[in-house]
Amino acid sequence: MLATGHQVLGFTFGVIAITILQQFGIAPVHTMDVILFFVFVLFGALLPDIDTPTSRLGSKFWRLLILLFLITLLAYLFFPHVLNTYREDLKIFVMMMIPILVMLRGHRKMTHSILFLIVMWVYCQVIVEWMHVPWFYLYGLLAGAVSHLLGDYVTKKGIPLFYPISKRHFRFIFTFRTGSVTEKTIVTMLVIYNVWVLIINAT
C-alpha cells in the first residue's frame, strides 16, 4: 500500500480500537487525548516502512538519526559534561534503538513480521514503565502497526509473517497491486466510512 492508504487504513483501525477500548473503560476521553491517540495511530501506520529510506517515514528517520549522531559527536568533542549529565538517558535511547536498527535489513522483511509486532509490544511495556505514558496511546501505536501489516498482506507482494524463521511471503486470497485502481477505490471507501463514523459519533 502507498503511505496515504496506510494512514487511512490506520485511522480506521484507530476508530475500531477506540470502540473496543471503550468497552473496557480505558479509552481516551478528553479531546486532546483523542487527538494524540490518533497521532500515535498514524505514526504506527507508517512505522513498518521505516526500513525504506525512500518512504515518507523512513527518509525522516534516517535524517533524524544522522542529526542525533552529529549532535552527540559534537557534544562528546566540545561539551563532554553534557554527555555525563544525560548518560543514563542516552543508554536507554541506545538500548531501544539497537533492536530497531538490527531489523532494518531491507523493505518488507523484519519490520513486516510478527516478530516486529512482538518487539513493539515489549517496547510499549518499557515506555509505560519508564516514562509513565498512558497505555491507550501505545494501543493506538500498535493498532496503526497492525493495520500496516494487514494493508501489505492484501497486496500482490504480501509480507514475510514469520521472518527471519521463514522468508516466504504470505498474502491474502484476494490481492491488488500497490497504487492500483483497486487500492484507491478501497481507500476512498474507507475515507467515506471514517467520515460517516465521525458524523454519527458527533451527533
N, C-alpha and C. Protein backbone atom coordinates (compact mmCIF):
# COMPACT_ATOMS: atom_id res chain seq x y z
N MET A 1 0.83 -1.19 0.00
CA MET A 1 0.00 0.00 0.00
C MET A 1 0.87 1.25 0.00
N LEU A 2 0.33 2.32 -0.58
CA LEU A 2 1.02 3.60 -0.52
C LEU A 2 0.82 4.22 0.86
N ALA A 3 1.64 5.23 1.17
CA ALA A 3 1.60 5.85 2.50
C ALA A 3 0.21 6.39 2.84
N THR A 4 -0.45 7.03 1.87
CA THR A 4 -1.78 7.58 2.12
C THR A 4 -2.77 6.48 2.47
N GLY A 5 -2.70 5.38 1.73
CA GLY A 5 -3.58 4.24 2.01
C GLY A 5 -3.35 3.67 3.38
N HIS A 6 -2.07 3.57 3.78
CA HIS A 6 -1.74 3.04 5.11
C HIS A 6 -2.31 3.94 6.20
N GLN A 7 -2.25 5.25 6.00
CA GLN A 7 -2.75 6.17 7.02
C GLN A 7 -4.27 6.11 7.13
N VAL A 8 -4.94 5.99 5.99
CA VAL A 8 -6.40 5.88 6.01
C VAL A 8 -6.82 4.58 6.69
N LEU A 9 -6.16 3.47 6.33
CA LEU A 9 -6.46 2.19 6.97
C LEU A 9 -6.12 2.24 8.46
N GLY A 10 -5.00 2.90 8.78
CA GLY A 10 -4.61 3.05 10.18
C GLY A 10 -5.66 3.82 10.97
N PHE A 11 -6.19 4.89 10.38
CA PHE A 11 -7.22 5.68 11.05
C PHE A 11 -8.45 4.82 11.32
N THR A 12 -8.81 3.99 10.34
CA THR A 12 -9.95 3.07 10.50
C THR A 12 -9.71 2.13 11.68
N PHE A 13 -8.49 1.58 11.76
CA PHE A 13 -8.14 0.71 12.88
C PHE A 13 -8.19 1.48 14.20
N GLY A 14 -7.82 2.75 14.15
CA GLY A 14 -7.88 3.59 15.35
C GLY A 14 -9.31 3.76 15.85
N VAL A 15 -10.22 3.97 14.91
CA VAL A 15 -11.64 4.09 15.26
C VAL A 15 -12.15 2.80 15.90
N ILE A 16 -11.77 1.68 15.30
CA ILE A 16 -12.17 0.37 15.85
C ILE A 16 -11.55 0.15 17.23
N ALA A 17 -10.26 0.53 17.37
CA ALA A 17 -9.56 0.34 18.65
C ALA A 17 -10.22 1.15 19.76
N ILE A 18 -10.62 2.40 19.46
CA ILE A 18 -11.28 3.23 20.48
C ILE A 18 -12.59 2.60 20.92
N THR A 19 -13.33 2.05 19.94
CA THR A 19 -14.60 1.39 20.26
C THR A 19 -14.38 0.22 21.21
N ILE A 20 -13.33 -0.57 20.94
CA ILE A 20 -13.02 -1.71 21.81
C ILE A 20 -12.56 -1.25 23.19
N LEU A 21 -11.69 -0.23 23.22
CA LEU A 21 -11.17 0.28 24.49
C LEU A 21 -12.30 0.85 25.35
N GLN A 22 -13.31 1.42 24.71
CA GLN A 22 -14.44 1.97 25.45
C GLN A 22 -15.18 0.86 26.21
N GLN A 23 -15.20 -0.33 25.64
CA GLN A 23 -15.87 -1.45 26.30
C GLN A 23 -15.18 -1.83 27.60
N PHE A 24 -13.86 -1.54 27.69
CA PHE A 24 -13.08 -1.86 28.88
C PHE A 24 -12.86 -0.63 29.77
N GLY A 25 -13.42 0.50 29.35
CA GLY A 25 -13.30 1.72 30.15
C GLY A 25 -11.92 2.32 30.18
N ILE A 26 -11.10 2.05 29.15
CA ILE A 26 -9.73 2.59 29.14
C ILE A 26 -9.46 3.44 27.90
N ALA A 27 -10.50 3.88 27.24
CA ALA A 27 -10.34 4.69 26.03
C ALA A 27 -10.05 6.14 26.40
N PRO A 28 -9.34 6.88 25.54
CA PRO A 28 -9.12 8.31 25.79
C PRO A 28 -10.46 9.05 25.80
N VAL A 29 -10.61 9.99 26.72
CA VAL A 29 -11.89 10.70 26.87
C VAL A 29 -11.76 12.15 26.45
N HIS A 30 -10.76 12.83 26.96
CA HIS A 30 -10.58 14.26 26.66
C HIS A 30 -10.18 14.45 25.20
N THR A 31 -10.58 15.59 24.65
CA THR A 31 -10.34 15.88 23.22
C THR A 31 -8.86 15.76 22.85
N MET A 32 -7.97 16.34 23.67
CA MET A 32 -6.54 16.31 23.37
C MET A 32 -6.01 14.88 23.42
N ASP A 33 -6.51 14.08 24.35
CA ASP A 33 -6.08 12.68 24.44
C ASP A 33 -6.49 11.90 23.19
N VAL A 34 -7.69 12.18 22.70
CA VAL A 34 -8.17 11.51 21.48
C VAL A 34 -7.31 11.91 20.29
N ILE A 35 -7.00 13.20 20.20
CA ILE A 35 -6.15 13.69 19.09
C ILE A 35 -4.78 13.02 19.14
N LEU A 36 -4.17 12.98 20.33
CA LEU A 36 -2.85 12.37 20.47
C LEU A 36 -2.91 10.86 20.20
N PHE A 37 -4.03 10.24 20.57
CA PHE A 37 -4.22 8.82 20.28
C PHE A 37 -4.12 8.58 18.78
N PHE A 38 -4.79 9.41 17.99
CA PHE A 38 -4.76 9.21 16.54
C PHE A 38 -3.42 9.63 15.93
N VAL A 39 -2.69 10.51 16.60
CA VAL A 39 -1.32 10.82 16.16
C VAL A 39 -0.46 9.56 16.28
N PHE A 40 -0.61 8.85 17.40
CA PHE A 40 0.11 7.58 17.60
C PHE A 40 -0.33 6.55 16.57
N VAL A 41 -1.63 6.51 16.27
CA VAL A 41 -2.15 5.57 15.29
C VAL A 41 -1.52 5.83 13.92
N LEU A 42 -1.52 7.08 13.49
CA LEU A 42 -0.99 7.42 12.16
C LEU A 42 0.51 7.19 12.08
N PHE A 43 1.21 7.44 13.20
CA PHE A 43 2.65 7.15 13.23
C PHE A 43 2.89 5.66 13.12
N GLY A 44 2.11 4.87 13.89
CA GLY A 44 2.24 3.42 13.84
C GLY A 44 1.91 2.86 12.47
N ALA A 45 0.98 3.52 11.76
CA ALA A 45 0.58 3.05 10.44
C ALA A 45 1.70 3.20 9.41
N LEU A 46 2.67 4.06 9.68
CA LEU A 46 3.81 4.23 8.77
C LEU A 46 5.08 3.56 9.30
N LEU A 47 5.08 3.22 10.59
CA LEU A 47 6.30 2.73 11.24
C LEU A 47 6.97 1.54 10.56
N PRO A 48 6.25 0.50 10.09
CA PRO A 48 6.93 -0.63 9.46
C PRO A 48 7.73 -0.26 8.21
N ASP A 49 7.40 0.86 7.56
CA ASP A 49 8.15 1.27 6.38
C ASP A 49 9.39 2.08 6.74
N ILE A 50 9.74 2.08 8.03
CA ILE A 50 10.95 2.77 8.47
C ILE A 50 12.19 2.11 7.88
N ASP A 51 12.02 0.86 7.40
CA ASP A 51 13.15 0.13 6.79
C ASP A 51 13.43 0.58 5.36
N THR A 52 12.64 1.54 4.85
CA THR A 52 12.82 2.02 3.48
C THR A 52 13.23 3.48 3.49
N PRO A 53 14.49 3.81 3.18
CA PRO A 53 14.96 5.19 3.22
C PRO A 53 14.16 6.13 2.32
N THR A 54 13.50 5.59 1.29
CA THR A 54 12.75 6.45 0.37
C THR A 54 11.30 6.63 0.79
N SER A 55 10.86 5.93 1.84
CA SER A 55 9.47 6.06 2.29
C SER A 55 9.29 7.37 3.04
N ARG A 56 8.03 7.74 3.26
CA ARG A 56 7.72 9.01 3.91
C ARG A 56 8.33 9.08 5.30
N LEU A 57 8.21 8.01 6.07
CA LEU A 57 8.76 8.00 7.43
C LEU A 57 10.23 7.62 7.43
N GLY A 58 10.61 6.69 6.55
CA GLY A 58 12.00 6.23 6.51
C GLY A 58 13.00 7.34 6.24
N SER A 59 12.67 8.24 5.30
CA SER A 59 13.59 9.32 4.96
C SER A 59 13.79 10.26 6.15
N LYS A 60 12.70 10.56 6.87
CA LYS A 60 12.80 11.44 8.04
C LYS A 60 13.55 10.75 9.17
N PHE A 61 13.34 9.44 9.33
CA PHE A 61 14.01 8.69 10.40
C PHE A 61 15.52 8.74 10.24
N TRP A 62 16.00 8.46 9.02
CA TRP A 62 17.44 8.43 8.80
C TRP A 62 18.07 9.81 8.92
N ARG A 63 17.36 10.84 8.48
CA ARG A 63 17.87 12.21 8.64
C ARG A 63 17.98 12.57 10.12
N LEU A 64 16.94 12.20 10.88
CA LEU A 64 16.95 12.49 12.31
C LEU A 64 18.04 11.71 13.02
N LEU A 65 18.24 10.45 12.62
CA LEU A 65 19.28 9.62 13.24
C LEU A 65 20.67 10.20 12.99
N ILE A 66 20.91 10.63 11.76
CA ILE A 66 22.20 11.25 11.42
C ILE A 66 22.40 12.54 12.21
N LEU A 67 21.32 13.33 12.33
CA LEU A 67 21.40 14.58 13.08
C LEU A 67 21.73 14.31 14.54
N LEU A 68 21.07 13.31 15.14
CA LEU A 68 21.34 12.96 16.53
C LEU A 68 22.78 12.48 16.71
N PHE A 69 23.28 11.72 15.73
CA PHE A 69 24.65 11.24 15.79
C PHE A 69 25.63 12.41 15.77
N LEU A 70 25.40 13.38 14.88
CA LEU A 70 26.29 14.55 14.78
C LEU A 70 26.25 15.39 16.06
N ILE A 71 25.04 15.56 16.62
CA ILE A 71 24.91 16.33 17.86
C ILE A 71 25.66 15.63 19.00
N THR A 72 25.53 14.31 19.07
CA THR A 72 26.23 13.54 20.11
C THR A 72 27.74 13.64 19.94
N LEU A 73 28.21 13.56 18.68
CA LEU A 73 29.64 13.66 18.41
C LEU A 73 30.17 15.03 18.80
N LEU A 74 29.45 16.09 18.45
CA LEU A 74 29.88 17.45 18.82
C LEU A 74 29.89 17.64 20.33
N ALA A 75 28.87 17.07 20.99
CA ALA A 75 28.82 17.16 22.46
C ALA A 75 30.00 16.43 23.08
N TYR A 76 30.36 15.28 22.51
CA TYR A 76 31.49 14.50 23.02
C TYR A 76 32.81 15.26 22.86
N LEU A 77 32.94 15.98 21.73
CA LEU A 77 34.19 16.69 21.44
C LEU A 77 34.32 18.01 22.21
N PHE A 78 33.20 18.73 22.34
CA PHE A 78 33.28 20.09 22.89
C PHE A 78 32.55 20.27 24.23
N PHE A 79 31.58 19.42 24.53
CA PHE A 79 30.84 19.55 25.79
C PHE A 79 30.68 18.19 26.46
N PRO A 80 31.79 17.55 26.84
CA PRO A 80 31.71 16.20 27.44
C PRO A 80 30.86 16.14 28.70
N HIS A 81 30.77 17.27 29.44
CA HIS A 81 29.97 17.26 30.67
C HIS A 81 28.49 17.07 30.38
N VAL A 82 28.05 17.48 29.16
CA VAL A 82 26.64 17.30 28.78
C VAL A 82 26.31 15.82 28.67
N LEU A 83 27.23 15.06 28.06
CA LEU A 83 27.02 13.61 27.93
C LEU A 83 26.97 12.94 29.29
N ASN A 84 27.81 13.41 30.21
CA ASN A 84 27.81 12.84 31.56
C ASN A 84 26.49 13.11 32.27
N THR A 85 25.91 14.29 32.01
CA THR A 85 24.64 14.68 32.64
C THR A 85 23.50 13.78 32.17
N TYR A 86 23.51 13.46 30.87
CA TYR A 86 22.41 12.68 30.29
C TYR A 86 22.85 11.26 29.92
N ARG A 87 23.84 10.75 30.60
CA ARG A 87 24.38 9.43 30.27
C ARG A 87 23.32 8.34 30.38
N GLU A 88 22.54 8.34 31.46
CA GLU A 88 21.54 7.29 31.65
C GLU A 88 20.45 7.36 30.59
N ASP A 89 20.04 8.59 30.24
CA ASP A 89 19.03 8.76 29.19
C ASP A 89 19.55 8.25 27.85
N LEU A 90 20.82 8.53 27.57
CA LEU A 90 21.42 8.07 26.31
C LEU A 90 21.51 6.55 26.28
N LYS A 91 21.80 5.94 27.43
CA LYS A 91 21.87 4.48 27.49
C LYS A 91 20.52 3.87 27.12
N ILE A 92 19.44 4.44 27.69
CA ILE A 92 18.10 3.94 27.39
C ILE A 92 17.79 4.09 25.92
N PHE A 93 18.14 5.26 25.35
CA PHE A 93 17.87 5.53 23.94
C PHE A 93 18.61 4.53 23.05
N VAL A 94 19.88 4.30 23.35
CA VAL A 94 20.69 3.38 22.54
C VAL A 94 20.15 1.96 22.65
N MET A 95 19.78 1.55 23.88
CA MET A 95 19.25 0.20 24.08
C MET A 95 17.97 -0.02 23.28
N MET A 96 17.16 1.03 23.17
CA MET A 96 15.91 0.91 22.44
C MET A 96 16.11 0.99 20.93
N MET A 97 17.17 1.66 20.50
CA MET A 97 17.42 1.83 19.07
C MET A 97 18.11 0.63 18.45
N ILE A 98 18.96 -0.07 19.20
CA ILE A 98 19.74 -1.18 18.64
C ILE A 98 18.86 -2.25 18.00
N PRO A 99 17.80 -2.75 18.69
CA PRO A 99 16.96 -3.77 18.05
C PRO A 99 16.29 -3.27 16.77
N ILE A 100 15.89 -1.98 16.76
CA ILE A 100 15.25 -1.42 15.57
C ILE A 100 16.23 -1.38 14.42
N LEU A 101 17.46 -0.94 14.68
CA LEU A 101 18.47 -0.85 13.62
C LEU A 101 18.82 -2.24 13.08
N VAL A 102 18.83 -3.23 13.97
CA VAL A 102 19.12 -4.60 13.53
C VAL A 102 18.03 -5.10 12.58
N MET A 103 16.81 -4.65 12.81
CA MET A 103 15.68 -5.09 11.98
C MET A 103 15.70 -4.47 10.59
N LEU A 104 16.39 -3.35 10.41
CA LEU A 104 16.35 -2.65 9.14
C LEU A 104 17.28 -3.32 8.13
N ARG A 105 16.79 -4.36 7.50
CA ARG A 105 17.62 -5.14 6.57
C ARG A 105 16.98 -5.25 5.20
N GLY A 106 16.20 -4.25 4.81
CA GLY A 106 15.56 -4.28 3.50
C GLY A 106 14.05 -4.20 3.64
N HIS A 107 13.40 -3.69 2.60
CA HIS A 107 11.97 -3.45 2.67
C HIS A 107 11.17 -4.76 2.77
N ARG A 108 10.13 -4.69 3.58
CA ARG A 108 9.23 -5.83 3.81
C ARG A 108 9.97 -7.08 4.27
N LYS A 109 10.78 -6.90 5.28
CA LYS A 109 11.43 -8.06 5.88
C LYS A 109 11.06 -8.09 7.37
N MET A 110 12.02 -7.78 8.24
CA MET A 110 11.78 -7.89 9.67
C MET A 110 10.64 -7.01 10.16
N THR A 111 10.54 -5.78 9.64
CA THR A 111 9.52 -4.86 10.13
C THR A 111 8.12 -5.19 9.63
N HIS A 112 8.02 -6.21 8.79
CA HIS A 112 6.70 -6.65 8.31
C HIS A 112 6.39 -8.07 8.80
N SER A 113 6.91 -8.40 9.97
CA SER A 113 6.73 -9.75 10.52
C SER A 113 6.04 -9.70 11.87
N ILE A 114 5.63 -10.86 12.33
CA ILE A 114 5.02 -10.97 13.65
C ILE A 114 6.03 -10.61 14.73
N LEU A 115 7.31 -10.94 14.48
CA LEU A 115 8.37 -10.62 15.45
C LEU A 115 8.43 -9.11 15.70
N PHE A 116 8.23 -8.33 14.67
CA PHE A 116 8.26 -6.87 14.82
C PHE A 116 7.15 -6.40 15.76
N LEU A 117 5.97 -6.98 15.62
CA LEU A 117 4.86 -6.61 16.50
C LEU A 117 5.15 -7.01 17.94
N ILE A 118 5.80 -8.17 18.12
CA ILE A 118 6.17 -8.62 19.47
C ILE A 118 7.17 -7.65 20.09
N VAL A 119 8.18 -7.26 19.30
CA VAL A 119 9.18 -6.30 19.79
C VAL A 119 8.52 -4.97 20.14
N MET A 120 7.58 -4.54 19.31
CA MET A 120 6.86 -3.29 19.59
C MET A 120 6.09 -3.39 20.90
N TRP A 121 5.46 -4.54 21.13
CA TRP A 121 4.71 -4.74 22.37
C TRP A 121 5.64 -4.63 23.58
N VAL A 122 6.81 -5.24 23.49
CA VAL A 122 7.80 -5.16 24.58
C VAL A 122 8.24 -3.72 24.78
N TYR A 123 8.48 -3.00 23.68
CA TYR A 123 8.88 -1.60 23.77
C TYR A 123 7.80 -0.77 24.47
N CYS A 124 6.56 -1.06 24.13
CA CYS A 124 5.45 -0.33 24.76
C CYS A 124 5.45 -0.57 26.26
N GLN A 125 5.72 -1.81 26.67
CA GLN A 125 5.80 -2.13 28.10
C GLN A 125 6.89 -1.29 28.76
N VAL A 126 8.04 -1.17 28.09
CA VAL A 126 9.17 -0.40 28.63
C VAL A 126 8.80 1.07 28.73
N ILE A 127 8.18 1.60 27.68
CA ILE A 127 7.81 3.02 27.67
C ILE A 127 6.82 3.34 28.78
N VAL A 128 5.83 2.48 28.96
CA VAL A 128 4.84 2.70 30.01
C VAL A 128 5.49 2.65 31.39
N GLU A 129 6.43 1.72 31.56
CA GLU A 129 7.08 1.53 32.86
C GLU A 129 8.03 2.67 33.20
N TRP A 130 8.83 3.11 32.22
CA TRP A 130 9.86 4.13 32.48
C TRP A 130 9.36 5.55 32.31
N MET A 131 8.46 5.75 31.37
CA MET A 131 8.04 7.12 31.05
C MET A 131 6.61 7.42 31.50
N HIS A 132 5.92 6.39 32.00
CA HIS A 132 4.57 6.55 32.52
C HIS A 132 3.61 7.15 31.50
N VAL A 133 3.75 6.68 30.26
CA VAL A 133 2.85 7.11 29.19
C VAL A 133 1.56 6.31 29.30
N PRO A 134 0.38 6.95 29.19
CA PRO A 134 -0.89 6.20 29.26
C PRO A 134 -0.95 5.09 28.22
N TRP A 135 -1.48 3.94 28.62
CA TRP A 135 -1.47 2.78 27.75
C TRP A 135 -2.26 2.98 26.47
N PHE A 136 -3.32 3.81 26.52
CA PHE A 136 -4.15 3.92 25.31
C PHE A 136 -3.38 4.55 24.15
N TYR A 137 -2.36 5.36 24.42
CA TYR A 137 -1.52 5.88 23.34
C TYR A 137 -0.79 4.73 22.64
N LEU A 138 -0.25 3.82 23.45
CA LEU A 138 0.51 2.70 22.89
C LEU A 138 -0.41 1.72 22.16
N TYR A 139 -1.65 1.59 22.65
CA TYR A 139 -2.62 0.77 21.91
C TYR A 139 -2.85 1.37 20.53
N GLY A 140 -2.87 2.69 20.45
CA GLY A 140 -3.02 3.36 19.16
C GLY A 140 -1.84 3.09 18.25
N LEU A 141 -0.63 3.13 18.82
CA LEU A 141 0.57 2.83 18.04
C LEU A 141 0.54 1.41 17.50
N LEU A 142 0.16 0.46 18.35
CA LEU A 142 0.09 -0.94 17.93
C LEU A 142 -1.01 -1.15 16.89
N ALA A 143 -2.15 -0.49 17.07
CA ALA A 143 -3.25 -0.61 16.11
C ALA A 143 -2.80 -0.12 14.74
N GLY A 144 -2.05 0.98 14.71
CA GLY A 144 -1.54 1.50 13.45
C GLY A 144 -0.57 0.54 12.78
N ALA A 145 0.32 -0.06 13.59
CA ALA A 145 1.31 -1.00 13.04
C ALA A 145 0.63 -2.25 12.48
N VAL A 146 -0.37 -2.75 13.21
CA VAL A 146 -1.10 -3.94 12.74
C VAL A 146 -1.83 -3.62 11.44
N SER A 147 -2.40 -2.41 11.35
CA SER A 147 -3.10 -2.03 10.12
C SER A 147 -2.15 -1.99 8.93
N HIS A 148 -0.91 -1.57 9.17
CA HIS A 148 0.08 -1.51 8.09
C HIS A 148 0.37 -2.91 7.55
N LEU A 149 0.60 -3.84 8.47
CA LEU A 149 0.88 -5.21 8.03
C LEU A 149 -0.31 -5.81 7.29
N LEU A 150 -1.52 -5.52 7.76
CA LEU A 150 -2.71 -6.02 7.07
C LEU A 150 -2.82 -5.40 5.68
N GLY A 151 -2.51 -4.10 5.58
CA GLY A 151 -2.59 -3.42 4.30
C GLY A 151 -1.64 -4.02 3.27
N ASP A 152 -0.44 -4.39 3.70
CA ASP A 152 0.53 -5.01 2.79
C ASP A 152 0.23 -6.49 2.57
N TYR A 153 -0.47 -7.10 3.53
CA TYR A 153 -0.84 -8.51 3.42
C TYR A 153 -1.80 -8.76 2.25
N VAL A 154 -2.60 -7.76 1.92
CA VAL A 154 -3.58 -7.91 0.83
C VAL A 154 -3.05 -7.41 -0.51
N THR A 155 -1.75 -7.09 -0.58
CA THR A 155 -1.15 -6.71 -1.85
C THR A 155 -0.50 -7.93 -2.51
N LYS A 156 -0.15 -7.79 -3.78
CA LYS A 156 0.41 -8.90 -4.55
C LYS A 156 1.69 -9.45 -3.92
N LYS A 157 2.52 -8.54 -3.38
CA LYS A 157 3.81 -8.97 -2.83
C LYS A 157 3.66 -9.71 -1.51
N GLY A 158 2.67 -9.34 -0.71
CA GLY A 158 2.48 -9.98 0.58
C GLY A 158 3.54 -9.57 1.59
N ILE A 159 3.60 -10.26 2.72
CA ILE A 159 4.57 -9.94 3.77
C ILE A 159 5.18 -11.22 4.35
N PRO A 160 6.43 -11.15 4.82
CA PRO A 160 7.08 -12.34 5.42
C PRO A 160 6.68 -12.48 6.90
N LEU A 161 5.53 -12.99 7.16
CA LEU A 161 4.97 -13.05 8.51
C LEU A 161 5.92 -13.67 9.53
N PHE A 162 6.65 -14.72 9.12
CA PHE A 162 7.48 -15.46 10.08
C PHE A 162 8.98 -15.20 9.90
N TYR A 163 9.32 -14.07 9.29
CA TYR A 163 10.72 -13.69 9.16
C TYR A 163 11.31 -13.48 10.56
N PRO A 164 12.53 -13.88 10.88
CA PRO A 164 13.56 -14.47 10.00
C PRO A 164 13.53 -16.01 9.93
N ILE A 165 12.56 -16.64 10.61
CA ILE A 165 12.48 -18.10 10.55
C ILE A 165 12.21 -18.56 9.12
N SER A 166 11.32 -17.85 8.44
CA SER A 166 11.00 -18.15 7.05
C SER A 166 10.92 -16.85 6.26
N LYS A 167 11.51 -16.85 5.06
CA LYS A 167 11.48 -15.66 4.21
C LYS A 167 10.29 -15.67 3.24
N ARG A 168 9.47 -16.69 3.37
CA ARG A 168 8.32 -16.80 2.48
C ARG A 168 7.32 -15.67 2.73
N HIS A 169 6.83 -15.08 1.65
CA HIS A 169 5.84 -14.02 1.75
C HIS A 169 4.43 -14.60 1.71
N PHE A 170 3.62 -14.21 2.68
CA PHE A 170 2.23 -14.64 2.72
C PHE A 170 1.33 -13.50 2.26
N ARG A 171 0.23 -13.85 1.64
CA ARG A 171 -0.71 -12.82 1.18
C ARG A 171 -2.13 -13.37 1.24
N PHE A 172 -3.09 -12.46 1.19
CA PHE A 172 -4.50 -12.82 1.27
C PHE A 172 -4.94 -13.50 -0.04
N ILE A 173 -6.09 -14.16 0.00
CA ILE A 173 -6.60 -14.85 -1.19
C ILE A 173 -6.84 -13.86 -2.32
N PHE A 174 -7.46 -12.73 -1.99
CA PHE A 174 -7.72 -11.70 -2.98
C PHE A 174 -6.74 -10.55 -2.75
N THR A 175 -5.96 -10.21 -3.76
CA THR A 175 -4.93 -9.18 -3.60
C THR A 175 -5.04 -8.13 -4.70
N PHE A 176 -4.29 -7.05 -4.53
CA PHE A 176 -4.23 -6.00 -5.54
C PHE A 176 -2.82 -5.42 -5.56
N ARG A 177 -2.50 -4.73 -6.61
CA ARG A 177 -1.17 -4.13 -6.74
C ARG A 177 -1.12 -2.78 -6.01
N THR A 178 0.04 -2.48 -5.43
CA THR A 178 0.22 -1.21 -4.74
C THR A 178 0.03 -0.05 -5.71
N GLY A 179 -0.83 0.89 -5.33
CA GLY A 179 -1.08 2.06 -6.17
C GLY A 179 -2.10 1.82 -7.27
N SER A 180 -2.72 0.64 -7.29
CA SER A 180 -3.68 0.30 -8.35
C SER A 180 -5.02 0.99 -8.12
N VAL A 181 -5.89 0.90 -9.12
CA VAL A 181 -7.24 1.46 -9.01
C VAL A 181 -8.01 0.80 -7.88
N THR A 182 -7.78 -0.50 -7.71
CA THR A 182 -8.45 -1.24 -6.62
C THR A 182 -8.08 -0.66 -5.27
N GLU A 183 -6.78 -0.41 -5.06
CA GLU A 183 -6.34 0.18 -3.79
C GLU A 183 -6.97 1.54 -3.57
N LYS A 184 -6.98 2.39 -4.61
CA LYS A 184 -7.55 3.73 -4.49
C LYS A 184 -9.04 3.66 -4.18
N THR A 185 -9.73 2.68 -4.77
CA THR A 185 -11.16 2.52 -4.51
C THR A 185 -11.41 2.12 -3.06
N ILE A 186 -10.61 1.17 -2.56
CA ILE A 186 -10.75 0.72 -1.18
C ILE A 186 -10.46 1.87 -0.21
N VAL A 187 -9.41 2.64 -0.50
CA VAL A 187 -9.05 3.77 0.36
C VAL A 187 -10.17 4.80 0.37
N THR A 188 -10.75 5.08 -0.78
CA THR A 188 -11.86 6.03 -0.86
C THR A 188 -13.05 5.57 -0.03
N MET A 189 -13.36 4.27 -0.11
CA MET A 189 -14.46 3.71 0.67
C MET A 189 -14.18 3.81 2.17
N LEU A 190 -12.93 3.61 2.56
CA LEU A 190 -12.56 3.73 3.97
C LEU A 190 -12.68 5.17 4.45
N VAL A 191 -12.32 6.12 3.60
CA VAL A 191 -12.46 7.53 3.95
C VAL A 191 -13.93 7.86 4.20
N ILE A 192 -14.80 7.38 3.30
CA ILE A 192 -16.23 7.61 3.46
C ILE A 192 -16.74 6.98 4.76
N TYR A 193 -16.27 5.76 5.06
CA TYR A 193 -16.67 5.07 6.29
C TYR A 193 -16.22 5.87 7.52
N ASN A 194 -14.97 6.33 7.51
CA ASN A 194 -14.44 7.07 8.65
C ASN A 194 -15.22 8.37 8.88
N VAL A 195 -15.53 9.07 7.80
CA VAL A 195 -16.30 10.32 7.91
C VAL A 195 -17.68 10.03 8.47
N TRP A 196 -18.29 8.95 8.01
CA TRP A 196 -19.62 8.56 8.47
C TRP A 196 -19.60 8.26 9.97
N VAL A 197 -18.60 7.51 10.40
CA VAL A 197 -18.47 7.17 11.84
C VAL A 197 -18.28 8.43 12.67
N LEU A 198 -17.45 9.35 12.20
CA LEU A 198 -17.20 10.60 12.93
C LEU A 198 -18.47 11.43 13.03
N ILE A 199 -19.26 11.47 11.95
CA ILE A 199 -20.51 12.24 11.98
C ILE A 199 -21.50 11.61 12.95
N ILE A 200 -21.59 10.27 12.93
CA ILE A 200 -22.50 9.56 13.84
C ILE A 200 -22.14 9.82 15.29
N ASN A 201 -20.84 9.77 15.59
CA ASN A 201 -20.39 9.98 16.98
C ASN A 201 -20.53 11.42 17.43
N ALA A 202 -20.50 12.35 16.47
CA ALA A 202 -20.59 13.76 16.82
C ALA A 202 -22.03 14.20 17.11
N THR A 203 -23.01 13.42 16.59
CA THR A 203 -24.41 13.80 16.79
C THR A 203 -25.01 13.13 18.02
